[in-house]
Amino acid sequence: MVRSRDSREALTYGLQPIRVLETIAVLEARIEERFPGSSLSRVSHELYNVASDSDRIWQRLERPYWPLRVLALAGIAFVITIAIVIVVIIMSFKDPGFNGLNESLQTIESGINDAVLLSLAIYFLATLEGRFKRHVALDNLHRLRSIVHIVDMHQLTKDPERLFTPDSATPSSPRRNFTRFELARYLDYCSELLSLSSKIAALHVQYVNDPVVLNAVNDIETLAASLSNGIWQKIMILDAAGTDTHRDTEH
């Protein structure tokens, strides 16, 4: 049974897409207020766009794809009809030598091969809708994985050690202008973006029961969690320092 958007929002179990979208919108506003015009703000906006597109995709994925179902049923009916016709022709074959051992074995072997091919054709048609939904979900998850890597690129050069040894910078070192507090907030925002990316990924398996999609979601969640752990190690270093006297530098 297809659920309406209102019923999807009223679910008391699982993740609620509308709540995830609201959380991302609030995070985007927080980042823009703290770091106006920053590239991280643009990344959060892109994550919101992906989440909005994902919400529309989820609504499509939970509904039957009737054109594909009709096509699959018509194809299966055609395959079964062909199989019945072949069996009738074989059964009605009256050649005198047909009952010979060699001819019988050849006929059985041919029948088994035909049965295997027909079974594969039926399986292909029966799983057509599921494979189409899998393709749609994997394409969207690929966009999400790209955002996770982009967030990682933004936090990659945000090294808290540079706050305590500003004179160690080289001419090729990234330029920054963050205080300790600002750097901690920046890293925290990156961690939140990674966490919300995981939530968007997890929502896919609420609407697509597919092992390949589940593996892709698990990969994104594992990647985001691993990157987030690295970010929190940096935040812990900043918290342990407990000083805001030095200034790091970049937007």
Foldseek 3Di string as FASTA:
>chain_A
DQDDLVVLQVDPDADRLVVLLVVLVVLLVVCCVLPNPDVVSVLSVVLSVLSVVLVVLLSVLQDDPVVLVVVLVVQLVVLVVVLVVVVVVVVPDDDPCCPPPVNVVVVVVVNVVSVVVSVVSNVCSVCVRLVVSVVVLVVSLVVLLVSLVVLLVVCVLLALVCQVVVVVDDPPRDFFFAFLVSSLVSLVSSLVSLVSSLSSLVVSCVRRVDPVSVVSSVVSNVSSVVSSVVSVVRSVVSVVVPDRPGTGGDD
